[in-house]
Structures are given as C-alpha cells and as structure tokens.
Amino acid sequence: MTRSAAITFKGTPMTLLGDELKVGQTAPDFAIHYFEGGLKAWTLGDLKGKPTLVSIVPSLDTGICAIQTKKFNTELGSMEGKINAVTVSRDLPFAMNRFCGAEDIKGLKVGSDYQNGSFGQAWGVMIDELKLLARAVYVLDANGKVAYAQIVPEVTSEPDYAGAMAALKGLL
C-alpha cells in the first residue's frame, strides 16, 4: 500500500510505502543487518523482553540524522541494560559502524535495511521516491507492541525526543 503525500522532504511531498504503524499494534517482524565480526541479522524477536526505542533515519552521514542518533545515545545512557535501543537506516552496516566509532555511539545499536527495504515497507516508512527511510521514532513494550509512534512530517526536521523518552521511561 502507498500513502500519497504522507511526508515532505525539503517541502516536496513524498510517498510512503506500507501501512502506517500505530500505537497499540504489534510491530511487524523484520530482519535488519549489522556488522560485528561479520554480517549478522536482528529480528523483532531479538528485541523482545525489554522496552525498545527504534530510531529510524534516512542516513547517518547527514546532519539531522547524526544529531538524532547522538541525542538519543546521550539520553539513553542512564537506561543501559534496562532497554534495547536501535537506529535503523539503509546505510551499509560497515558505514554505520564507522559512524558509531567516530561519534562514540555506544547506547544504540545500528541495523541496516539495505538488502531489500523490507523493514521500511513493513513499518510504513520507506520513501518511494528516494528509496530511503523516513525519519521516525517508535517505542515498543517488552512484547513488541507499539507504545509510541512518530513519523516526522518533514524529513529535515528532528523528532520529538521528549515524547519518545517519556514513553520509554513509562515502560520501565
């Protein structure tokens, strides 16, 4: 399914593929890839058991995406061990690791939807025209149910950090 003009990129309307994921729904399963001594995959099942913050960005190598990732990394520091936190983009896993090393990102894991974009389509955040993920933040409870959902209306704007963090803290 496509949703026309669901978001904008620098004021230009963009189309999102997939159905919008809403609070109360169970998050769709996925496979995202990361690099740790070789390519490996995470699924929704790997995140269950703890509340989870899912921060979605178009590309870590852009200004707002870097700010979003660094801000959540800082905010999540006090919750280490109590939650899962992952940033998802379509960047290659190797580039994601390079960024995290250079920026000292330790509070978030990174996962890539580079292979076929199935995460983006299942979660309703794939930008059809750009083949990138929209900027979004989700908070899942320990069972994978959506407790907070925000697709940022303008891709070049930052998400509501306070709203996401309040939802996450409310699950602890």
N, C-alpha and C. Protein backbone atom coordinates (compact mmCIF):
# COMPACT_ATOMS: atom_id res chain seq x y z
N MET A 1 0.84 -1.18 0.00
CA MET A 1 0.00 0.00 0.00
C MET A 1 0.89 1.25 0.00
N THR A 2 0.49 2.28 -0.70
CA THR A 2 1.19 3.55 -0.66
C THR A 2 0.28 4.61 -0.06
N ARG A 3 0.90 5.55 0.62
CA ARG A 3 0.17 6.68 1.19
C ARG A 3 0.71 7.93 0.52
N SER A 4 -0.07 8.59 -0.29
CA SER A 4 0.46 9.73 -1.02
C SER A 4 0.62 10.95 -0.13
N ALA A 5 1.68 11.71 -0.39
CA ALA A 5 1.99 12.95 0.33
C ALA A 5 1.95 12.77 1.85
N ALA A 6 2.45 11.64 2.32
CA ALA A 6 2.44 11.36 3.75
C ALA A 6 3.45 12.22 4.51
N ILE A 7 4.55 12.58 3.84
CA ILE A 7 5.59 13.42 4.44
C ILE A 7 6.12 14.35 3.36
N THR A 8 7.02 15.25 3.79
CA THR A 8 7.71 16.09 2.82
C THR A 8 9.21 15.99 3.04
N PHE A 9 9.95 16.24 1.98
CA PHE A 9 11.41 16.33 2.03
C PHE A 9 11.78 17.68 1.43
N LYS A 10 12.26 18.59 2.29
CA LYS A 10 12.54 19.97 1.88
C LYS A 10 11.33 20.60 1.21
N GLY A 11 10.15 20.30 1.76
CA GLY A 11 8.90 20.86 1.28
C GLY A 11 8.24 20.12 0.14
N THR A 12 8.92 19.16 -0.47
CA THR A 12 8.36 18.40 -1.59
C THR A 12 7.62 17.18 -1.05
N PRO A 13 6.35 17.00 -1.41
CA PRO A 13 5.59 15.84 -0.94
C PRO A 13 6.24 14.52 -1.38
N MET A 14 6.26 13.56 -0.47
CA MET A 14 6.83 12.24 -0.71
C MET A 14 5.80 11.18 -0.35
N THR A 15 5.95 10.03 -0.95
CA THR A 15 5.04 8.90 -0.75
C THR A 15 5.71 7.85 0.13
N LEU A 16 4.99 7.40 1.14
CA LEU A 16 5.49 6.31 1.97
C LEU A 16 4.85 5.00 1.52
N LEU A 17 5.66 3.95 1.49
CA LEU A 17 5.17 2.62 1.15
C LEU A 17 4.83 1.86 2.41
N GLY A 18 3.78 1.07 2.37
CA GLY A 18 3.38 0.27 3.51
C GLY A 18 2.33 0.97 4.35
N ASP A 19 1.78 0.22 5.27
CA ASP A 19 0.75 0.76 6.15
C ASP A 19 1.39 1.45 7.35
N GLU A 20 0.76 2.51 7.80
CA GLU A 20 1.25 3.23 8.96
C GLU A 20 1.13 2.37 10.21
N LEU A 21 2.20 2.30 10.98
CA LEU A 21 2.24 1.55 12.22
C LEU A 21 1.76 2.47 13.35
N LYS A 22 0.75 2.03 14.09
CA LYS A 22 0.13 2.89 15.10
C LYS A 22 0.27 2.31 16.51
N VAL A 23 0.12 3.20 17.48
CA VAL A 23 0.15 2.80 18.88
C VAL A 23 -0.91 1.72 19.12
N GLY A 24 -0.52 0.69 19.85
CA GLY A 24 -1.42 -0.42 20.16
C GLY A 24 -1.22 -1.63 19.26
N GLN A 25 -0.63 -1.42 18.09
CA GLN A 25 -0.37 -2.53 17.18
C GLN A 25 0.90 -3.27 17.60
N THR A 26 0.98 -4.54 17.25
CA THR A 26 2.23 -5.27 17.41
C THR A 26 3.12 -4.91 16.24
N ALA A 27 4.37 -4.57 16.51
CA ALA A 27 5.30 -4.21 15.46
C ALA A 27 5.51 -5.39 14.52
N PRO A 28 5.60 -5.12 13.22
CA PRO A 28 5.86 -6.21 12.27
C PRO A 28 7.26 -6.77 12.45
N ASP A 29 7.41 -8.06 12.19
CA ASP A 29 8.73 -8.67 12.26
C ASP A 29 9.60 -8.08 11.16
N PHE A 30 10.88 -8.22 11.30
CA PHE A 30 11.83 -7.67 10.34
C PHE A 30 13.14 -8.42 10.44
N ALA A 31 14.00 -8.18 9.49
CA ALA A 31 15.40 -8.61 9.55
C ALA A 31 16.22 -7.40 9.12
N ILE A 32 17.01 -6.87 10.05
CA ILE A 32 17.95 -5.80 9.73
C ILE A 32 19.34 -6.33 10.01
N HIS A 33 20.31 -5.80 9.29
CA HIS A 33 21.66 -6.35 9.35
C HIS A 33 22.63 -5.40 10.04
N TYR A 34 23.59 -6.00 10.72
CA TYR A 34 24.64 -5.24 11.38
C TYR A 34 25.95 -5.98 11.19
N PHE A 35 27.04 -5.29 11.45
CA PHE A 35 28.36 -5.90 11.30
C PHE A 35 29.03 -6.00 12.65
N GLU A 36 29.35 -7.23 13.01
CA GLU A 36 30.09 -7.49 14.26
C GLU A 36 30.93 -8.73 14.01
N GLY A 37 32.10 -8.54 13.45
CA GLY A 37 32.94 -9.67 13.08
C GLY A 37 32.40 -10.43 11.87
N GLY A 38 31.45 -9.88 11.20
CA GLY A 38 30.78 -10.46 10.04
C GLY A 38 29.36 -9.93 10.00
N LEU A 39 28.68 -10.12 8.89
CA LEU A 39 27.29 -9.65 8.79
C LEU A 39 26.37 -10.57 9.57
N LYS A 40 25.52 -9.98 10.38
CA LYS A 40 24.55 -10.72 11.19
C LYS A 40 23.21 -10.01 11.07
N ALA A 41 22.15 -10.68 11.50
CA ALA A 41 20.81 -10.09 11.40
C ALA A 41 20.11 -10.09 12.75
N TRP A 42 19.30 -9.04 12.97
CA TRP A 42 18.39 -8.97 14.10
C TRP A 42 16.98 -9.10 13.58
N THR A 43 16.12 -9.61 14.44
CA THR A 43 14.69 -9.66 14.14
C THR A 43 13.95 -9.02 15.33
N LEU A 44 12.66 -8.86 15.19
CA LEU A 44 11.86 -8.34 16.29
C LEU A 44 12.02 -9.22 17.53
N GLY A 45 12.09 -10.51 17.34
CA GLY A 45 12.25 -11.44 18.46
C GLY A 45 13.50 -11.16 19.29
N ASP A 46 14.55 -10.66 18.64
CA ASP A 46 15.79 -10.36 19.36
C ASP A 46 15.64 -9.15 20.29
N LEU A 47 14.62 -8.34 20.06
CA LEU A 47 14.42 -7.14 20.87
C LEU A 47 13.39 -7.34 21.98
N LYS A 48 12.67 -8.43 21.94
CA LYS A 48 11.62 -8.65 22.94
C LYS A 48 12.25 -8.95 24.30
N GLY A 49 11.49 -8.67 25.35
CA GLY A 49 11.96 -8.90 26.71
C GLY A 49 12.30 -7.61 27.45
N LYS A 50 12.53 -6.53 26.69
CA LYS A 50 12.80 -5.22 27.29
C LYS A 50 12.10 -4.17 26.44
N PRO A 51 11.75 -3.03 27.03
CA PRO A 51 11.26 -1.93 26.21
C PRO A 51 12.33 -1.55 25.19
N THR A 52 11.89 -1.10 24.02
CA THR A 52 12.82 -0.82 22.93
C THR A 52 12.52 0.52 22.28
N LEU A 53 13.57 1.30 22.05
CA LEU A 53 13.48 2.51 21.25
C LEU A 53 14.01 2.17 19.86
N VAL A 54 13.20 2.46 18.83
CA VAL A 54 13.63 2.27 17.45
C VAL A 54 13.68 3.65 16.81
N SER A 55 14.88 4.13 16.54
CA SER A 55 15.11 5.43 15.93
C SER A 55 15.43 5.17 14.46
N ILE A 56 14.63 5.74 13.57
CA ILE A 56 14.78 5.48 12.13
C ILE A 56 15.24 6.77 11.46
N VAL A 57 16.28 6.67 10.64
CA VAL A 57 16.86 7.82 9.95
C VAL A 57 17.12 7.50 8.49
N PRO A 58 17.11 8.53 7.62
CA PRO A 58 17.45 8.29 6.22
C PRO A 58 18.90 7.86 6.01
N SER A 59 19.86 8.56 6.65
CA SER A 59 21.28 8.22 6.52
C SER A 59 22.07 8.86 7.65
N LEU A 60 22.87 8.05 8.33
CA LEU A 60 23.67 8.54 9.45
C LEU A 60 24.67 9.61 9.03
N ASP A 61 25.04 9.63 7.76
CA ASP A 61 26.04 10.59 7.28
C ASP A 61 25.44 11.94 6.90
N THR A 62 24.27 12.27 7.43
CA THR A 62 23.68 13.58 7.20
C THR A 62 23.47 14.26 8.55
N GLY A 63 23.40 15.58 8.52
CA GLY A 63 23.39 16.37 9.75
C GLY A 63 22.31 16.03 10.76
N ILE A 64 21.05 16.05 10.35
CA ILE A 64 19.95 15.82 11.30
C ILE A 64 19.96 14.37 11.79
N CYS A 65 20.30 13.45 10.92
CA CYS A 65 20.37 12.03 11.32
C CYS A 65 21.46 11.83 12.36
N ALA A 66 22.60 12.48 12.17
CA ALA A 66 23.69 12.40 13.14
C ALA A 66 23.25 13.00 14.47
N ILE A 67 22.59 14.15 14.42
CA ILE A 67 22.10 14.81 15.64
C ILE A 67 21.13 13.88 16.37
N GLN A 68 20.18 13.31 15.64
CA GLN A 68 19.18 12.42 16.25
C GLN A 68 19.85 11.24 16.93
N THR A 69 20.80 10.63 16.26
CA THR A 69 21.47 9.45 16.82
C THR A 69 22.30 9.81 18.04
N LYS A 70 23.02 10.92 17.98
CA LYS A 70 23.84 11.34 19.12
C LYS A 70 22.97 11.75 20.30
N LYS A 71 21.87 12.44 20.03
CA LYS A 71 20.97 12.88 21.11
C LYS A 71 20.37 11.67 21.83
N PHE A 72 19.85 10.71 21.07
CA PHE A 72 19.30 9.52 21.73
C PHE A 72 20.40 8.74 22.46
N ASN A 73 21.59 8.65 21.90
CA ASN A 73 22.69 7.97 22.57
C ASN A 73 22.93 8.59 23.94
N THR A 74 22.95 9.91 24.02
CA THR A 74 23.16 10.61 25.28
C THR A 74 21.99 10.38 26.24
N GLU A 75 20.78 10.54 25.74
CA GLU A 75 19.57 10.39 26.57
C GLU A 75 19.44 8.98 27.16
N LEU A 76 19.87 7.99 26.41
CA LEU A 76 19.68 6.60 26.82
C LEU A 76 20.75 6.08 27.76
N GLY A 77 21.80 6.86 27.96
CA GLY A 77 22.92 6.41 28.78
C GLY A 77 22.53 5.90 30.16
N SER A 78 21.58 6.54 30.80
CA SER A 78 21.19 6.15 32.16
C SER A 78 20.32 4.90 32.19
N MET A 79 19.88 4.43 31.03
CA MET A 79 18.99 3.27 30.98
C MET A 79 19.71 1.99 30.53
N GLU A 80 21.03 2.05 30.42
CA GLU A 80 21.79 0.92 29.91
C GLU A 80 21.43 -0.36 30.67
N GLY A 81 21.18 -1.42 29.92
CA GLY A 81 20.83 -2.71 30.49
C GLY A 81 19.34 -2.89 30.74
N LYS A 82 18.58 -1.80 30.79
CA LYS A 82 17.15 -1.88 31.06
C LYS A 82 16.31 -1.88 29.79
N ILE A 83 16.92 -1.43 28.69
CA ILE A 83 16.19 -1.27 27.43
C ILE A 83 17.02 -1.77 26.26
N ASN A 84 16.37 -1.91 25.13
CA ASN A 84 17.05 -2.08 23.84
C ASN A 84 16.91 -0.76 23.11
N ALA A 85 17.89 -0.40 22.32
CA ALA A 85 17.82 0.80 21.50
C ALA A 85 18.55 0.53 20.20
N VAL A 86 17.89 0.84 19.10
CA VAL A 86 18.48 0.60 17.79
C VAL A 86 18.15 1.74 16.85
N THR A 87 19.13 2.13 16.05
CA THR A 87 18.93 3.07 14.96
C THR A 87 18.91 2.26 13.67
N VAL A 88 17.92 2.52 12.83
CA VAL A 88 17.78 1.80 11.56
C VAL A 88 17.88 2.80 10.42
N SER A 89 18.65 2.45 9.40
CA SER A 89 18.72 3.23 8.16
C SER A 89 18.99 2.25 7.02
N ARG A 90 19.14 2.78 5.82
CA ARG A 90 19.52 1.94 4.68
C ARG A 90 21.00 2.04 4.39
N ASP A 91 21.75 2.73 5.27
CA ASP A 91 23.20 2.78 5.14
C ASP A 91 23.77 1.36 5.22
N LEU A 92 24.91 1.14 4.60
CA LEU A 92 25.56 -0.16 4.72
C LEU A 92 26.02 -0.38 6.16
N PRO A 93 25.97 -1.60 6.65
CA PRO A 93 26.39 -1.87 8.03
C PRO A 93 27.81 -1.38 8.33
N PHE A 94 28.70 -1.44 7.35
CA PHE A 94 30.09 -1.01 7.56
C PHE A 94 30.15 0.50 7.80
N ALA A 95 29.38 1.26 7.02
CA ALA A 95 29.32 2.72 7.19
C ALA A 95 28.71 3.07 8.55
N MET A 96 27.70 2.30 8.97
CA MET A 96 27.08 2.54 10.26
C MET A 96 28.09 2.33 11.39
N ASN A 97 28.88 1.26 11.29
CA ASN A 97 29.91 1.00 12.30
C ASN A 97 30.94 2.12 12.33
N ARG A 98 31.35 2.59 11.16
CA ARG A 98 32.33 3.67 11.09
C ARG A 98 31.79 4.91 11.80
N PHE A 99 30.54 5.27 11.51
CA PHE A 99 29.91 6.43 12.14
C PHE A 99 29.89 6.26 13.66
N CYS A 100 29.45 5.12 14.14
CA CYS A 100 29.34 4.90 15.59
C CYS A 100 30.71 4.97 16.26
N GLY A 101 31.73 4.44 15.62
CA GLY A 101 33.08 4.52 16.17
C GLY A 101 33.58 5.96 16.22
N ALA A 102 33.37 6.69 15.15
CA ALA A 102 33.84 8.08 15.07
C ALA A 102 33.09 8.99 16.04
N GLU A 103 31.83 8.69 16.31
CA GLU A 103 30.99 9.55 17.16
C GLU A 103 30.81 8.99 18.58
N ASP A 104 31.49 7.89 18.91
CA ASP A 104 31.42 7.26 20.23
C ASP A 104 29.98 6.90 20.62
N ILE A 105 29.26 6.32 19.67
CA ILE A 105 27.88 5.87 19.91
C ILE A 105 27.93 4.49 20.54
N LYS A 106 27.49 4.39 21.79
CA LYS A 106 27.52 3.11 22.50
C LYS A 106 26.17 2.73 23.08
N GLY A 107 25.25 3.71 23.19
CA GLY A 107 23.95 3.45 23.79
C GLY A 107 22.92 2.91 22.81
N LEU A 108 23.27 2.94 21.53
CA LEU A 108 22.36 2.45 20.47
C LEU A 108 23.10 1.43 19.62
N LYS A 109 22.40 0.40 19.24
CA LYS A 109 22.92 -0.50 18.22
C LYS A 109 22.43 0.04 16.88
N VAL A 110 23.07 -0.34 15.81
CA VAL A 110 22.65 0.11 14.49
C VAL A 110 22.33 -1.08 13.61
N GLY A 111 21.27 -0.95 12.84
CA GLY A 111 20.85 -2.01 11.93
C GLY A 111 20.49 -1.44 10.58
N SER A 112 20.83 -2.17 9.54
CA SER A 112 20.64 -1.69 8.18
C SER A 112 19.53 -2.45 7.46
N ASP A 113 18.72 -1.70 6.74
CA ASP A 113 17.65 -2.24 5.89
C ASP A 113 18.10 -2.21 4.42
N TYR A 114 19.41 -2.34 4.19
CA TYR A 114 19.97 -2.15 2.86
C TYR A 114 19.62 -3.25 1.86
N GLN A 115 19.37 -4.45 2.31
CA GLN A 115 19.23 -5.55 1.36
C GLN A 115 18.01 -5.44 0.46
N ASN A 116 16.84 -5.28 1.06
CA ASN A 116 15.65 -5.24 0.21
C ASN A 116 14.59 -4.24 0.68
N GLY A 117 14.91 -3.48 1.71
CA GLY A 117 13.97 -2.48 2.18
C GLY A 117 12.73 -3.04 2.85
N SER A 118 12.77 -4.29 3.25
CA SER A 118 11.57 -4.93 3.81
C SER A 118 11.18 -4.33 5.16
N PHE A 119 12.16 -3.89 5.96
CA PHE A 119 11.83 -3.22 7.23
C PHE A 119 11.03 -1.95 6.93
N GLY A 120 11.54 -1.12 6.04
CA GLY A 120 10.89 0.15 5.72
C GLY A 120 9.47 -0.03 5.21
N GLN A 121 9.26 -1.03 4.38
CA GLN A 121 7.91 -1.27 3.86
C GLN A 121 7.00 -1.85 4.93
N ALA A 122 7.50 -2.79 5.73
CA ALA A 122 6.67 -3.40 6.78
C ALA A 122 6.28 -2.38 7.85
N TRP A 123 7.15 -1.43 8.13
CA TRP A 123 6.89 -0.43 9.16
C TRP A 123 6.28 0.85 8.57
N GLY A 124 6.08 0.88 7.26
CA GLY A 124 5.42 2.03 6.62
C GLY A 124 6.26 3.28 6.55
N VAL A 125 7.59 3.13 6.50
CA VAL A 125 8.48 4.29 6.50
C VAL A 125 9.41 4.37 5.28
N MET A 126 9.18 3.55 4.27
CA MET A 126 10.00 3.60 3.06
C MET A 126 9.51 4.74 2.17
N ILE A 127 10.41 5.69 1.86
CA ILE A 127 10.07 6.79 0.96
C ILE A 127 10.22 6.27 -0.46
N ASP A 128 9.10 6.16 -1.16
CA ASP A 128 9.10 5.57 -2.50
C ASP A 128 10.04 6.31 -3.45
N GLU A 129 9.97 7.62 -3.48
CA GLU A 129 10.75 8.40 -4.44
C GLU A 129 12.25 8.35 -4.18
N LEU A 130 12.68 8.20 -2.94
CA LEU A 130 14.09 8.25 -2.58
C LEU A 130 14.70 6.89 -2.25
N LYS A 131 13.85 5.92 -1.99
CA LYS A 131 14.29 4.59 -1.55
C LYS A 131 15.12 4.68 -0.26
N LEU A 132 14.78 5.67 0.56
CA LEU A 132 15.37 5.84 1.88
C LEU A 132 14.26 5.71 2.91
N LEU A 133 14.64 5.56 4.17
CA LEU A 133 13.66 5.51 5.24
C LEU A 133 13.32 6.91 5.69
N ALA A 134 12.06 7.12 6.04
CA ALA A 134 11.62 8.39 6.61
C ALA A 134 12.17 8.50 8.03
N ARG A 135 12.22 9.71 8.54
CA ARG A 135 12.63 9.92 9.93
C ARG A 135 11.44 9.55 10.82
N ALA A 136 11.69 8.65 11.75
CA ALA A 136 10.61 8.18 12.63
C ALA A 136 11.20 7.66 13.93
N VAL A 137 10.36 7.59 14.94
CA VAL A 137 10.75 7.03 16.23
C VAL A 137 9.58 6.19 16.74
N TYR A 138 9.91 4.99 17.19
CA TYR A 138 8.92 4.10 17.80
C TYR A 138 9.45 3.63 19.14
N VAL A 139 8.55 3.46 20.08
CA VAL A 139 8.87 2.82 21.35
C VAL A 139 7.99 1.59 21.44
N LEU A 140 8.62 0.46 21.70
CA LEU A 140 7.91 -0.82 21.82
C LEU A 140 7.97 -1.29 23.27
N ASP A 141 6.90 -1.93 23.71
CA ASP A 141 6.95 -2.53 25.04
C ASP A 141 7.75 -3.83 24.95
N ALA A 142 7.90 -4.52 26.07
CA ALA A 142 8.73 -5.73 26.11
C ALA A 142 8.19 -6.85 25.23
N ASN A 143 6.93 -6.77 24.83
CA ASN A 143 6.33 -7.79 23.97
C ASN A 143 6.29 -7.38 22.50
N GLY A 144 6.83 -6.21 22.17
CA GLY A 144 6.86 -5.76 20.78
C GLY A 144 5.64 -4.98 20.34
N LYS A 145 4.82 -4.54 21.30
CA LYS A 145 3.65 -3.72 20.97
C LYS A 145 4.06 -2.26 20.96
N VAL A 146 3.55 -1.49 19.99
CA VAL A 146 3.91 -0.09 19.83
C VAL A 146 3.26 0.74 20.95
N ALA A 147 4.12 1.42 21.73
CA ALA A 147 3.66 2.29 22.81
C ALA A 147 3.77 3.77 22.41
N TYR A 148 4.57 4.06 21.40
CA TYR A 148 4.77 5.43 20.93
C TYR A 148 5.14 5.34 19.46
N ALA A 149 4.60 6.24 18.65
CA ALA A 149 4.90 6.25 17.21
C ALA A 149 4.94 7.68 16.71
N GLN A 150 6.01 8.02 16.01
CA GLN A 150 6.10 9.32 15.36
C GLN A 150 6.83 9.18 14.04
N ILE A 151 6.13 9.50 12.96
CA ILE A 151 6.78 9.70 11.67
C ILE A 151 6.90 11.22 11.54
N VAL A 152 8.11 11.72 11.45
CA VAL A 152 8.33 13.16 11.40
C VAL A 152 7.80 13.67 10.05
N PRO A 153 6.89 14.65 10.07
CA PRO A 153 6.24 15.10 8.83
C PRO A 153 7.20 15.67 7.78
N GLU A 154 8.25 16.36 8.23
CA GLU A 154 9.27 16.92 7.31
C GLU A 154 10.58 16.21 7.61
N VAL A 155 11.10 15.50 6.62
CA VAL A 155 12.29 14.67 6.81
C VAL A 155 13.47 15.45 7.37
N THR A 156 13.58 16.73 7.05
CA THR A 156 14.73 17.51 7.51
C THR A 156 14.53 18.11 8.91
N SER A 157 13.47 17.73 9.60
CA SER A 157 13.21 18.18 10.97
C SER A 157 13.57 17.06 11.96
N GLU A 158 13.86 17.46 13.20
CA GLU A 158 14.17 16.49 14.25
C GLU A 158 12.88 15.92 14.85
N PRO A 159 12.98 14.73 15.43
CA PRO A 159 11.81 14.12 16.07
C PRO A 159 11.53 14.75 17.43
N ASP A 160 10.44 14.32 18.06
CA ASP A 160 10.07 14.74 19.39
C ASP A 160 10.80 13.85 20.40
N TYR A 161 12.00 14.26 20.77
CA TYR A 161 12.82 13.46 21.69
C TYR A 161 12.11 13.28 23.04
N ALA A 162 11.55 14.34 23.56
CA ALA A 162 10.92 14.30 24.88
C ALA A 162 9.75 13.33 24.90
N GLY A 163 8.93 13.33 23.85
CA GLY A 163 7.81 12.42 23.76
C GLY A 163 8.24 10.96 23.74
N ALA A 164 9.24 10.68 22.95
CA ALA A 164 9.75 9.30 22.85
C ALA A 164 10.37 8.86 24.17
N MET A 165 11.16 9.73 24.80
CA MET A 165 11.80 9.37 26.05
C MET A 165 10.77 9.19 27.17
N ALA A 166 9.75 10.01 27.20
CA ALA A 166 8.69 9.85 28.22
C ALA A 166 7.98 8.51 28.04
N ALA A 167 7.71 8.14 26.81
CA ALA A 167 7.06 6.85 26.55
C ALA A 167 7.94 5.70 26.97
N LEU A 168 9.24 5.80 26.68
CA LEU A 168 10.18 4.74 27.05
C LEU A 168 10.29 4.63 28.56
N LYS A 169 10.46 5.75 29.23
CA LYS A 169 10.58 5.75 30.70
C LYS A 169 9.30 5.23 31.35
N GLY A 170 8.16 5.46 30.72
CA GLY A 170 6.90 4.96 31.25
C GLY A 170 6.76 3.45 31.22
N LEU A 171 7.62 2.79 30.45
CA LEU A 171 7.59 1.33 30.36
C LEU A 171 8.56 0.65 31.33
N LEU A 172 9.36 1.45 32.02
CA LEU A 172 10.35 0.86 32.95
C LEU A 172 9.74 0.61 34.32
